[in-house]
N, C-alpha and C. Protein backbone atom coordinates (compact mmCIF):
# COMPACT_ATOMS: atom_id res chain seq x y z
N UNK A 1 0.73 -1.05 -0.06
CA UNK A 1 0.11 -0.07 0.37
C UNK A 1 1.01 1.01 -0.10
N UNK A 2 0.88 1.89 -1.05
CA UNK A 2 1.65 3.10 -1.19
C UNK A 2 1.15 4.32 -0.17
N UNK A 3 1.88 5.03 0.48
CA UNK A 3 1.11 6.44 0.82
C UNK A 3 0.95 7.23 0.34
N UNK A 4 -0.24 7.90 0.59
CA UNK A 4 -0.58 9.18 -0.59
C UNK A 4 0.26 10.10 -0.02
N UNK A 5 0.37 11.26 -0.60
CA UNK A 5 1.34 12.65 -0.55
C UNK A 5 -0.03 13.33 0.18
N UNK A 6 0.94 14.25 1.31
CA UNK A 6 -0.11 14.84 2.02
C UNK A 6 -0.52 16.21 1.25
N UNK A 7 -1.77 16.92 1.55
CA UNK A 7 -1.72 18.32 0.79
C UNK A 7 -1.61 19.21 1.78
N UNK A 8 -1.38 18.85 2.94
CA UNK A 8 -1.09 19.61 3.96
C UNK A 8 0.21 20.04 4.14
N UNK A 9 0.89 21.22 4.90
CA UNK A 9 2.09 21.35 5.22
C UNK A 9 2.37 20.69 6.41
N UNK A 10 3.57 20.66 6.91
CA UNK A 10 3.82 19.64 8.03
C UNK A 10 3.28 20.18 9.33
N UNK A 11 3.49 21.58 9.05
CA UNK A 11 2.65 22.50 10.41
C UNK A 11 1.07 22.27 10.13
N UNK A 12 0.64 22.58 9.50
CA UNK A 12 -0.93 21.87 9.09
C UNK A 12 -1.37 20.88 9.77
N UNK A 13 -0.59 19.62 9.46
CA UNK A 13 -0.68 18.31 9.55
C UNK A 13 -0.37 17.95 11.28
N UNK A 14 0.50 18.87 11.76
CA UNK A 14 0.50 18.75 13.31
C UNK A 14 -0.75 19.10 13.81
N UNK A 15 -0.82 20.44 13.63
CA UNK A 15 -1.94 21.16 14.22
C UNK A 15 -3.61 20.32 14.16
N UNK A 16 -3.56 19.47 12.86
CA UNK A 16 -4.77 18.78 12.60
C UNK A 16 -4.87 17.89 13.65
N UNK A 17 -3.79 17.46 13.06
CA UNK A 17 -3.64 16.17 14.23
C UNK A 17 -3.83 15.96 15.62
N UNK A 18 -3.20 17.11 16.04
CA UNK A 18 -3.45 16.74 17.99
C UNK A 18 -4.75 17.37 17.69
N UNK A 19 -5.56 18.29 17.05
CA UNK A 19 -6.73 18.70 17.08
C UNK A 19 -7.88 17.55 17.04
N UNK A 20 -7.64 16.48 16.15
CA UNK A 20 -8.38 15.14 16.05
C UNK A 20 -8.10 14.21 17.14
N UNK A 21 -6.51 14.42 17.88
CA UNK A 21 -6.40 13.47 18.84
C UNK A 21 -7.09 13.85 19.87
N UNK A 22 -7.24 15.29 19.99
CA UNK A 22 -7.87 15.63 21.44
C UNK A 22 -9.75 15.44 21.12
N UNK A 23 -9.89 15.67 19.95
CA UNK A 23 -11.66 15.39 19.80
C UNK A 23 -11.85 14.05 19.68
N UNK A 24 -11.30 13.18 19.07
CA UNK A 24 -11.56 12.01 18.80
C UNK A 24 -10.98 10.55 19.37
N UNK A 25 -9.96 11.00 20.07
CA UNK A 25 -9.02 9.79 20.72
C UNK A 25 -8.81 9.86 21.94
N UNK A 26 -8.51 11.14 22.75
CA UNK A 26 -8.62 11.36 23.84
C UNK A 26 -9.63 10.93 24.83
N UNK A 27 -10.79 11.32 24.32
CA UNK A 27 -12.25 10.76 25.26
C UNK A 27 -12.14 9.32 25.89
N UNK A 28 -11.77 8.35 24.44
CA UNK A 28 -12.01 7.00 24.20
C UNK A 28 -10.55 6.33 24.91
N UNK A 29 -9.83 7.35 25.75
CA UNK A 29 -8.83 6.31 26.09
C UNK A 29 -8.69 5.85 27.63
N UNK A 30 -8.04 4.88 27.75
CA UNK A 30 -8.17 4.22 29.08
C UNK A 30 -6.29 4.02 29.57
N UNK A 31 -6.12 3.88 30.63
CA UNK A 31 -5.02 4.17 31.32
C UNK A 31 -3.99 2.98 31.04
N UNK A 32 -4.31 1.63 30.17
CA UNK A 32 -3.75 0.86 29.71
C UNK A 32 -3.18 1.34 28.20
N UNK A 33 -3.93 2.41 27.72
CA UNK A 33 -3.23 2.73 26.32
C UNK A 33 -2.10 3.39 26.35
N UNK A 34 -1.77 3.85 27.35
CA UNK A 34 -0.48 4.52 27.55
C UNK A 34 0.97 3.73 26.97
N UNK A 35 1.39 4.67 26.38
CA UNK A 35 2.88 4.05 25.50
C UNK A 35 2.27 3.57 24.26
N UNK A 36 0.91 3.33 24.11
CA UNK A 36 0.79 3.00 22.22
C UNK A 36 0.51 3.74 21.45
N UNK A 37 0.72 3.43 19.98
CA UNK A 37 0.77 4.33 19.22
C UNK A 37 -0.72 4.62 18.41
N UNK A 38 -1.30 5.73 18.21
CA UNK A 38 -2.28 5.87 17.75
C UNK A 38 -1.99 6.85 16.05
N UNK A 39 -2.55 6.32 15.08
CA UNK A 39 -2.69 6.52 13.81
C UNK A 39 -4.21 6.90 13.39
N UNK A 40 -4.17 8.41 12.97
CA UNK A 40 -5.60 9.18 13.10
C UNK A 40 -5.59 9.68 11.64
N UNK A 41 -6.97 9.41 11.16
CA UNK A 41 -7.06 10.29 9.74
C UNK A 41 -7.25 11.60 10.30
N UNK A 42 -6.57 12.73 9.76
CA UNK A 42 -6.80 14.11 10.56
C UNK A 42 -8.31 14.91 9.86
N UNK A 43 -8.70 14.23 8.63
CA UNK A 43 -10.03 14.58 7.95
C UNK A 43 -11.13 13.79 8.59
N UNK A 44 -11.17 12.45 8.63
CA UNK A 44 -12.40 11.89 9.67
C UNK A 44 -12.58 11.72 10.89
N UNK A 45 -11.25 11.72 11.45
CA UNK A 45 -11.26 11.33 12.85
C UNK A 45 -11.24 9.76 13.22
N UNK A 46 -11.09 9.19 11.91
CA UNK A 46 -10.93 7.81 12.32
C UNK A 46 -9.78 7.39 12.82
N UNK A 47 -9.36 6.15 13.72
CA UNK A 47 -8.07 6.00 14.06
C UNK A 47 -7.58 4.66 14.82
N UNK A 48 -6.73 4.31 14.84
CA UNK A 48 -6.25 3.07 15.08
C UNK A 48 -5.31 2.93 16.26
N UNK A 49 -5.40 2.36 16.84
CA UNK A 49 -4.18 1.98 18.28
C UNK A 49 -3.65 0.70 18.44
N UNK A 50 -2.30 0.65 18.78
CA UNK A 50 -1.62 -0.19 18.83
C UNK A 50 -0.22 -0.21 19.28
N UNK A 51 -0.01 -1.25 20.13
CA UNK A 51 1.67 -1.32 20.56
C UNK A 51 2.77 -0.89 19.53
N UNK A 52 2.34 -1.44 18.14
CA UNK A 52 3.41 -1.46 17.24
C UNK A 52 2.84 -0.21 16.19
N UNK A 53 3.77 0.89 15.90
CA UNK A 53 3.29 1.92 14.91
C UNK A 53 2.97 1.39 13.62
N UNK A 54 3.61 0.61 13.17
CA UNK A 54 3.44 0.01 11.60
C UNK A 54 1.86 -0.73 11.84
N UNK A 55 1.78 -1.43 12.51
CA UNK A 55 0.32 -2.17 12.35
C UNK A 55 -0.63 -1.03 12.73
N UNK A 56 -0.80 -0.12 13.49
CA UNK A 56 -1.64 0.96 13.63
C UNK A 56 -1.85 1.64 12.06
N UNK A 57 -0.82 2.05 11.58
CA UNK A 57 -0.87 2.54 10.44
C UNK A 57 -1.26 1.65 9.30
N UNK A 58 -1.12 0.37 9.24
CA UNK A 58 -1.30 -0.30 8.38
C UNK A 58 -2.98 -0.51 8.58
N UNK A 59 -3.58 -0.79 9.58
CA UNK A 59 -4.75 -1.02 9.89
C UNK A 59 -5.67 0.11 9.43
N UNK A 60 -5.33 1.31 9.84
CA UNK A 60 -5.80 2.38 9.30
C UNK A 60 -5.89 2.73 7.51
N UNK A 61 -4.88 2.18 7.11
CA UNK A 61 -4.60 2.37 6.04
C UNK A 61 -5.50 1.55 4.90
N UNK A 62 -5.91 0.42 5.48
CA UNK A 62 -6.82 -0.67 4.84
C UNK A 62 -7.59 -0.17 4.86
N UNK A 63 -8.38 0.41 5.65
CA UNK A 63 -9.75 1.16 5.73
C UNK A 63 -9.79 2.43 4.82
N UNK A 64 -8.95 3.49 4.90
CA UNK A 64 -8.95 4.56 4.22
C UNK A 64 -7.55 4.78 3.57
N UNK A 65 -7.39 3.99 2.14
CA UNK A 65 -6.64 4.24 1.48
C UNK A 65 -5.97 5.30 1.45
N UNK A 66 -6.92 6.65 1.55
CA UNK A 66 -6.02 7.87 1.01
C UNK A 66 -6.31 8.71 1.97
N UNK A 67 -6.27 7.93 3.72
CA UNK A 67 -6.18 8.84 4.50
C UNK A 67 -4.64 9.88 4.85
N UNK A 68 -4.92 11.13 5.55
CA UNK A 68 -4.11 11.92 5.42
C UNK A 68 -3.62 11.72 7.16
N UNK A 69 -2.31 10.57 7.38
CA UNK A 69 -2.36 10.22 8.87
C UNK A 69 -1.41 10.86 9.51
N UNK A 70 -1.78 11.21 10.91
CA UNK A 70 -0.88 11.74 11.92
C UNK A 70 -1.03 10.65 12.71
N UNK A 71 0.52 10.57 13.35
CA UNK A 71 0.61 9.29 14.29
C UNK A 71 1.67 9.91 15.16
N UNK A 72 0.95 9.37 16.82
CA UNK A 72 1.13 9.63 17.97
C UNK A 72 1.78 8.77 18.95
N UNK A 73 2.17 9.12 19.79
CA UNK A 73 2.26 8.09 21.01
C UNK A 73 1.64 8.62 22.36
N UNK A 74 1.08 7.74 22.59
CA UNK A 74 -0.24 8.25 23.74
C UNK A 74 0.46 8.65 25.48
N UNK A 75 0.37 9.51 25.92
CA UNK A 75 0.60 9.86 26.86
C UNK A 75 2.28 10.41 26.75
N UNK A 76 2.75 10.52 25.79
CA UNK A 76 4.19 10.93 25.50
C UNK A 76 4.34 12.40 24.83
N UNK A 77 5.08 12.95 24.80
CA UNK A 77 5.28 14.62 24.33
C UNK A 77 5.75 14.51 23.07
N UNK A 78 6.59 13.41 22.57
CA UNK A 78 7.12 13.08 20.97
C UNK A 78 6.83 11.67 21.02
N UNK A 79 6.39 11.05 19.90
CA UNK A 79 6.05 10.01 19.17
C UNK A 79 7.37 9.03 19.14
N UNK A 80 8.69 9.47 18.81
CA UNK A 80 10.08 8.65 19.17
C UNK A 80 11.01 9.27 19.54
N UNK A 81 11.70 8.83 20.05
CA UNK A 81 12.88 9.20 20.94
C UNK A 81 14.30 8.97 20.77
N UNK A 82 15.33 9.54 20.28
CA UNK A 82 16.29 9.04 20.33
C UNK A 82 17.48 9.09 21.18
N UNK A 83 17.96 7.96 21.33
CA UNK A 83 18.77 7.79 22.54
C UNK A 83 20.75 7.75 22.29
């Protein structure tokens, strides 16, 4: 499944992704979701939650092939860390 190119700037994608997370995802989260990855279609708010980032994105892309996806890690200030 090839990824589609976003029509949004990186700044717009970050803003829309954070808004979608707060509106669609945050109300549904449980404490056991902390540390999991969430892939969100910034247009529809449709999302997938998984311990594996690739799995979350793949499942969302299977349902919404043209989704503009924003990825986050629940409960973390950044999605990835460099050590």
